[in-house]
Amino acid sequence: MAEVRSTRRVNAPWTVERRIGGDNKPLAVLQLGTRSGVSISLYADEVAQLATALTDYLDSLD
């Protein structure tokens, strides 16, 4: 079980929690929506990869 270090709610229907995973690596948990029950857990390097992929996708829409 990951240890919750902080939770931040932004002006959006999702929450980000900073956790430390079982292997002591930083872990970001994104909770999507308030009723959906969907969450995504990503390590820091995976967050960077996701951000790059989203940026590339958005750039391709132009």
PDB file of N, CA and C in Angstrom:
ATOM      1  N   MET A   1       0.843  -1.179   0.000  1.00  0.00           N
ATOM      2  CA  MET A   1       0.000   0.000   0.000  1.00  0.00           C
ATOM      3  C   MET A   1       0.884   1.236   0.000  1.00  0.00           C
ATOM      4  N   ALA A   2       0.566   2.171  -0.846  1.00  0.00           N
ATOM      5  CA  ALA A   2       1.339   3.406  -0.933  1.00  0.00           C
ATOM      6  C   ALA A   2       0.957   4.354   0.195  1.00  0.00           C
ATOM      7  N   GLU A   3       1.928   5.089   0.655  1.00  0.00           N
ATOM      8  CA  GLU A   3       1.696   6.070   1.711  1.00  0.00           C
ATOM      9  C   GLU A   3       1.322   7.409   1.088  1.00  0.00           C
ATOM     10  N   VAL A   4       0.220   7.993   1.517  1.00  0.00           N
ATOM     11  CA  VAL A   4      -0.221   9.279   0.982  1.00  0.00           C
ATOM     12  C   VAL A   4       0.609  10.377   1.626  1.00  0.00           C
ATOM     13  N   ARG A   5       1.251  11.203   0.802  1.00  0.00           N
ATOM     14  CA  ARG A   5       2.050  12.308   1.303  1.00  0.00           C
ATOM     15  C   ARG A   5       1.296  13.627   1.216  1.00  0.00           C
ATOM     16  N   SER A   6       0.560  13.839   0.140  1.00  0.00           N
ATOM     17  CA  SER A   6      -0.223  15.065   0.014  1.00  0.00           C
ATOM     18  C   SER A   6      -1.317  14.843  -1.013  1.00  0.00           C
ATOM     19  N   THR A   7      -2.372  15.626  -0.871  1.00  0.00           N
ATOM     20  CA  THR A   7      -3.479  15.595  -1.816  1.00  0.00           C
ATOM     21  C   THR A   7      -3.751  17.021  -2.248  1.00  0.00           C
ATOM     22  N   ARG A   8      -3.940  17.220  -3.519  1.00  0.00           N
ATOM     23  CA  ARG A   8      -4.217  18.554  -4.030  1.00  0.00           C
ATOM     24  C   ARG A   8      -5.431  18.489  -4.925  1.00  0.00           C
ATOM     25  N   ARG A   9      -6.416  19.294  -4.624  1.00  0.00           N
ATOM     26  CA  ARG A   9      -7.589  19.405  -5.487  1.00  0.00           C
ATOM     27  C   ARG A   9      -7.457  20.713  -6.246  1.00  0.00           C
ATOM     28  N   VAL A  10      -7.502  20.609  -7.529  1.00  0.00           N
ATOM     29  CA  VAL A  10      -7.434  21.802  -8.371  1.00  0.00           C
ATOM     30  C   VAL A  10      -8.848  22.175  -8.783  1.00  0.00           C
ATOM     31  N   ASN A  11      -8.985  23.253  -9.514  1.00  0.00           N
ATOM     32  CA  ASN A  11     -10.310  23.692  -9.954  1.00  0.00           C
ATOM     33  C   ASN A  11     -10.755  22.823 -11.130  1.00  0.00           C
ATOM     34  N   ALA A  12     -10.923  21.548 -10.858  1.00  0.00           N
ATOM     35  CA  ALA A  12     -11.311  20.581 -11.884  1.00  0.00           C
ATOM     36  C   ALA A  12     -11.916  19.374 -11.171  1.00  0.00           C
ATOM     37  N   PRO A  13     -12.622  18.525 -11.911  1.00  0.00           N
ATOM     38  CA  PRO A  13     -13.248  17.358 -11.277  1.00  0.00           C
ATOM     39  C   PRO A  13     -12.269  16.196 -11.092  1.00  0.00           C
ATOM     40  N   TRP A  14     -11.037  16.492 -10.683  1.00  0.00           N
ATOM     41  CA  TRP A  14     -10.083  15.434 -10.422  1.00  0.00           C
ATOM     42  C   TRP A  14      -9.145  15.857  -9.300  1.00  0.00           C
ATOM     43  N   THR A  15      -8.488  14.880  -8.721  1.00  0.00           N
ATOM     44  CA  THR A  15      -7.602  15.085  -7.586  1.00  0.00           C
ATOM     45  C   THR A  15      -6.279  14.393  -7.883  1.00  0.00           C
ATOM     46  N   VAL A  16      -5.186  14.995  -7.443  1.00  0.00           N
ATOM     47  CA  VAL A  16      -3.871  14.379  -7.564  1.00  0.00           C
ATOM     48  C   VAL A  16      -3.321  14.152  -6.165  1.00  0.00           C
ATOM     49  N   GLU A  17      -2.862  12.938  -5.902  1.00  0.00           N
ATOM     50  CA  GLU A  17      -2.217  12.618  -4.643  1.00  0.00           C
ATOM     51  C   GLU A  17      -0.765  12.263  -4.902  1.00  0.00           C
ATOM     52  N   ARG A  18       0.109  12.768  -4.064  1.00  0.00           N
ATOM     53  CA  ARG A  18       1.515  12.388  -4.127  1.00  0.00           C
ATOM     54  C   ARG A  18       1.719  11.294  -3.094  1.00  0.00           C
ATOM     55  N   ARG A  19       2.227  10.160  -3.540  1.00  0.00           N
ATOM     56  CA  ARG A  19       2.434   9.022  -2.652  1.00  0.00           C
ATOM     57  C   ARG A  19       3.845   8.490  -2.827  1.00  0.00           C
ATOM     58  N   ILE A  20       4.228   7.682  -1.893  1.00  0.00           N
ATOM     59  CA  ILE A  20       5.466   6.922  -2.016  1.00  0.00           C
ATOM     60  C   ILE A  20       5.055   5.467  -2.196  1.00  0.00           C
ATOM     61  N   GLY A  21       5.469   4.882  -3.320  1.00  0.00           N
ATOM     62  CA  GLY A  21       5.093   3.513  -3.621  1.00  0.00           C
ATOM     63  C   GLY A  21       5.829   2.514  -2.748  1.00  0.00           C
ATOM     64  N   GLY A  22       5.492   1.250  -2.905  1.00  0.00           N
ATOM     65  CA  GLY A  22       6.104   0.189  -2.122  1.00  0.00           C
ATOM     66  C   GLY A  22       7.603   0.085  -2.319  1.00  0.00           C
ATOM     67  N   ASP A  23       8.094   0.564  -3.445  1.00  0.00           N
ATOM     68  CA  ASP A  23       9.532   0.521  -3.722  1.00  0.00           C
ATOM     69  C   ASP A  23      10.191   1.863  -3.416  1.00  0.00           C
ATOM     70  N   ASN A  24       9.523   2.708  -2.622  1.00  0.00           N
ATOM     71  CA  ASN A  24      10.025   4.029  -2.204  1.00  0.00           C
ATOM     72  C   ASN A  24      10.242   4.998  -3.360  1.00  0.00           C
ATOM     73  N   LYS A  25       9.581   4.760  -4.483  1.00  0.00           N
ATOM     74  CA  LYS A  25       9.638   5.694  -5.607  1.00  0.00           C
ATOM     75  C   LYS A  25       8.443   6.634  -5.528  1.00  0.00           C
ATOM     76  N   PRO A  26       8.635   7.919  -5.917  1.00  0.00           N
ATOM     77  CA  PRO A  26       7.501   8.855  -5.936  1.00  0.00           C
ATOM     78  C   PRO A  26       6.417   8.349  -6.891  1.00  0.00           C
ATOM     79  N   LEU A  27       5.193   8.491  -6.464  1.00  0.00           N
ATOM     80  CA  LEU A  27       4.057   7.988  -7.223  1.00  0.00           C
ATOM     81  C   LEU A  27       2.982   9.060  -7.229  1.00  0.00           C
ATOM     82  N   ALA A  28       2.441   9.359  -8.402  1.00  0.00           N
ATOM     83  CA  ALA A  28       1.332  10.302  -8.513  1.00  0.00           C
ATOM     84  C   ALA A  28       0.072   9.508  -8.812  1.00  0.00           C
ATOM     85  N   VAL A  29      -0.975   9.740  -8.046  1.00  0.00           N
ATOM     86  CA  VAL A  29      -2.247   9.050  -8.260  1.00  0.00           C
ATOM     87  C   VAL A  29      -3.263  10.088  -8.689  1.00  0.00           C
ATOM     88  N   LEU A  30      -3.801   9.923  -9.874  1.00  0.00           N
ATOM     89  CA  LEU A  30      -4.792  10.833 -10.437  1.00  0.00           C
ATOM     90  C   LEU A  30      -6.158  10.190 -10.292  1.00  0.00           C
ATOM     91  N   GLN A  31      -7.032  10.814  -9.523  1.00  0.00           N
ATOM     92  CA  GLN A  31      -8.410  10.332  -9.340  1.00  0.00           C
ATOM     93  C   GLN A  31      -9.293  11.126 -10.293  1.00  0.00           C
ATOM     94  N   LEU A  32      -9.906  10.439 -11.250  1.00  0.00           N
ATOM     95  CA  LEU A  32     -10.708  11.097 -12.270  1.00  0.00           C
ATOM     96  C   LEU A  32     -12.167  11.156 -11.835  1.00  0.00           C
ATOM     97  N   GLY A  33     -12.697  12.350 -11.764  1.00  0.00           N
ATOM     98  CA  GLY A  33     -14.098  12.519 -11.395  1.00  0.00           C
ATOM     99  C   GLY A  33     -14.350  12.233  -9.923  1.00  0.00           C
ATOM    100  N   THR A  34     -15.471  12.657  -9.450  1.00  0.00           N
ATOM    101  CA  THR A  34     -15.797  12.440  -8.046  1.00  0.00           C
ATOM    102  C   THR A  34     -16.630  11.187  -7.856  1.00  0.00           C
ATOM    103  N   ARG A  35     -17.279  10.729  -8.906  1.00  0.00           N
ATOM    104  CA  ARG A  35     -18.147   9.555  -8.783  1.00  0.00           C
ATOM    105  C   ARG A  35     -17.690   8.380  -9.635  1.00  0.00           C
ATOM    106  N   SER A  36     -16.702   8.599 -10.477  1.00  0.00           N
ATOM    107  CA  SER A  36     -16.322   7.553 -11.431  1.00  0.00           C
ATOM    108  C   SER A  36     -15.578   6.401 -10.776  1.00  0.00           C
ATOM    109  N   GLY A  37     -14.833   6.680  -9.717  1.00  0.00           N
ATOM    110  CA  GLY A  37     -14.042   5.631  -9.087  1.00  0.00           C
ATOM    111  C   GLY A  37     -12.831   5.225  -9.899  1.00  0.00           C
ATOM    112  N   VAL A  38     -12.496   5.967 -10.943  1.00  0.00           N
ATOM    113  CA  VAL A  38     -11.357   5.653 -11.796  1.00  0.00           C
ATOM    114  C   VAL A  38     -10.128   6.377 -11.269  1.00  0.00           C
ATOM    115  N   SER A  39      -9.038   5.644 -11.106  1.00  0.00           N
ATOM    116  CA  SER A  39      -7.790   6.281 -10.707  1.00  0.00           C
ATOM    117  C   SER A  39      -6.651   5.733 -11.543  1.00  0.00           C
ATOM    118  N   ILE A  40      -5.647   6.557 -11.752  1.00  0.00           N
ATOM    119  CA  ILE A  40      -4.467   6.188 -12.520  1.00  0.00           C
ATOM    120  C   ILE A  40      -3.262   6.455 -11.633  1.00  0.00           C
ATOM    121  N   SER A  41      -2.400   5.472 -11.466  1.00  0.00           N
ATOM    122  CA  SER A  41      -1.182   5.629 -10.680  1.00  0.00           C
ATOM    123  C   SER A  41       0.012   5.657 -11.628  1.00  0.00           C
ATOM    124  N   LEU A  42       0.809   6.700 -11.520  1.00  0.00           N
ATOM    125  CA  LEU A  42       1.962   6.869 -12.400  1.00  0.00           C
ATOM    126  C   LEU A  42       3.196   7.224 -11.590  1.00  0.00           C
ATOM    127  N   TYR A  43       4.337   6.650 -11.954  1.00  0.00           N
ATOM    128  CA  TYR A  43       5.606   7.079 -11.387  1.00  0.00           C
ATOM    129  C   TYR A  43       6.037   8.358 -12.095  1.00  0.00           C
ATOM    130  N   ALA A  44       6.967   9.081 -11.501  1.00  0.00           N
ATOM    131  CA  ALA A  44       7.377  10.393 -12.013  1.00  0.00           C
ATOM    132  C   ALA A  44       7.805  10.321 -13.480  1.00  0.00           C
ATOM    133  N   ASP A  45       8.581   9.305 -13.859  1.00  0.00           N
ATOM    134  CA  ASP A  45       9.023   9.215 -15.252  1.00  0.00           C
ATOM    135  C   ASP A  45       7.851   8.944 -16.188  1.00  0.00           C
ATOM    136  N   GLU A  46       6.841   8.240 -15.707  1.00  0.00           N
ATOM    137  CA  GLU A  46       5.659   7.985 -16.526  1.00  0.00           C
ATOM    138  C   GLU A  46       4.825   9.245 -16.698  1.00  0.00           C
ATOM    139  N   VAL A  47       4.795  10.107 -15.679  1.00  0.00           N
ATOM    140  CA  VAL A  47       4.096  11.392 -15.798  1.00  0.00           C
ATOM    141  C   VAL A  47       4.751  12.216 -16.899  1.00  0.00           C
ATOM    142  N   ALA A  48       6.070  12.230 -16.930  1.00  0.00           N
ATOM    143  CA  ALA A  48       6.788  12.973 -17.970  1.00  0.00           C
ATOM    144  C   ALA A  48       6.470  12.404 -19.354  1.00  0.00           C
ATOM    145  N   GLN A  49       6.415  11.089 -19.484  1.00  0.00           N
ATOM    146  CA  GLN A  49       6.091  10.463 -20.768  1.00  0.00           C
ATOM    147  C   GLN A  49       4.664  10.794 -21.193  1.00  0.00           C
ATOM    148  N   LEU A  50       3.745  10.780 -20.245  1.00  0.00           N
ATOM    149  CA  LEU A  50       2.349  11.113 -20.546  1.00  0.00           C
ATOM    150  C   LEU A  50       2.235  12.560 -20.988  1.00  0.00           C
ATOM    151  N   ALA A  51       2.926  13.462 -20.308  1.00  0.00           N
ATOM    152  CA  ALA A  51       2.884  14.880 -20.673  1.00  0.00           C
ATOM    153  C   ALA A  51       3.429  15.085 -22.082  1.00  0.00           C
ATOM    154  N   THR A  52       4.503  14.404 -22.419  1.00  0.00           N
ATOM    155  CA  THR A  52       5.083  14.507 -23.764  1.00  0.00           C
ATOM    156  C   THR A  52       4.111  13.977 -24.814  1.00  0.00           C
ATOM    157  N   ALA A  53       3.497  12.831 -24.521  1.00  0.00           N
ATOM    158  CA  ALA A  53       2.544  12.242 -25.468  1.00  0.00           C
ATOM    159  C   ALA A  53       1.341  13.156 -25.670  1.00  0.00           C
ATOM    160  N   LEU A  54       0.820  13.729 -24.586  1.00  0.00           N
ATOM    161  CA  LEU A  54      -0.324  14.646 -24.715  1.00  0.00           C
ATOM    162  C   LEU A  54       0.053  15.902 -25.487  1.00  0.00           C
ATOM    163  N   THR A  55       1.227  16.431 -25.229  1.00  0.00           N
ATOM    164  CA  THR A  55       1.696  17.618 -25.954  1.00  0.00           C
ATOM    165  C   THR A  55       1.831  17.317 -27.435  1.00  0.00           C
ATOM    166  N   ASP A  56       2.433  16.177 -27.769  1.00  0.00           N
ATOM    167  CA  ASP A  56       2.574  15.784 -29.176  1.00  0.00           C
ATOM    168  C   ASP A  56       1.217  15.626 -29.839  1.00  0.00           C
ATOM    169  N   TYR A  57       0.269  15.017 -29.125  1.00  0.00           N
ATOM    170  CA  TYR A  57      -1.070  14.829 -29.678  1.00  0.00           C
ATOM    171  C   TYR A  57      -1.746  16.169 -29.927  1.00  0.00           C
ATOM    172  N   LEU A  58      -1.692  17.061 -28.950  1.00  0.00           N
ATOM    173  CA  LEU A  58      -2.326  18.374 -29.108  1.00  0.00           C
ATOM    174  C   LEU A  58      -1.672  19.171 -30.228  1.00  0.00           C
ATOM    175  N   ASP A  59      -0.351  19.069 -30.370  1.00  0.00           N
ATOM    176  CA  ASP A  59       0.342  19.747 -31.464  1.00  0.00           C
ATOM    177  C   ASP A  59      -0.096  19.206 -32.819  1.00  0.00           C
ATOM    178  N   SER A  60      -0.426  17.913 -32.870  1.00  0.00           N
ATOM    179  CA  SER A  60      -0.823  17.311 -34.148  1.00  0.00           C
ATOM    180  C   SER A  60      -2.213  17.766 -34.584  1.00  0.00           C
ATOM    181  N   LEU A  61      -2.981  18.341 -33.679  1.00  0.00           N
ATOM    182  CA  LEU A  61      -4.331  18.793 -34.014  1.00  0.00           C
ATOM    183  C   LEU A  61      -4.331  20.117 -34.771  1.00  0.00           C
ATOM    184  N   ASP A  62      -3.229  20.828 -34.728  1.00  0.00           N
ATOM    185  CA  ASP A  62      -3.155  22.136 -35.410  1.00  0.00           C
ATOM    186  C   ASP A  62      -3.112  21.994 -36.905  1.00  0.00           C
TER     187      ASP A  62
END
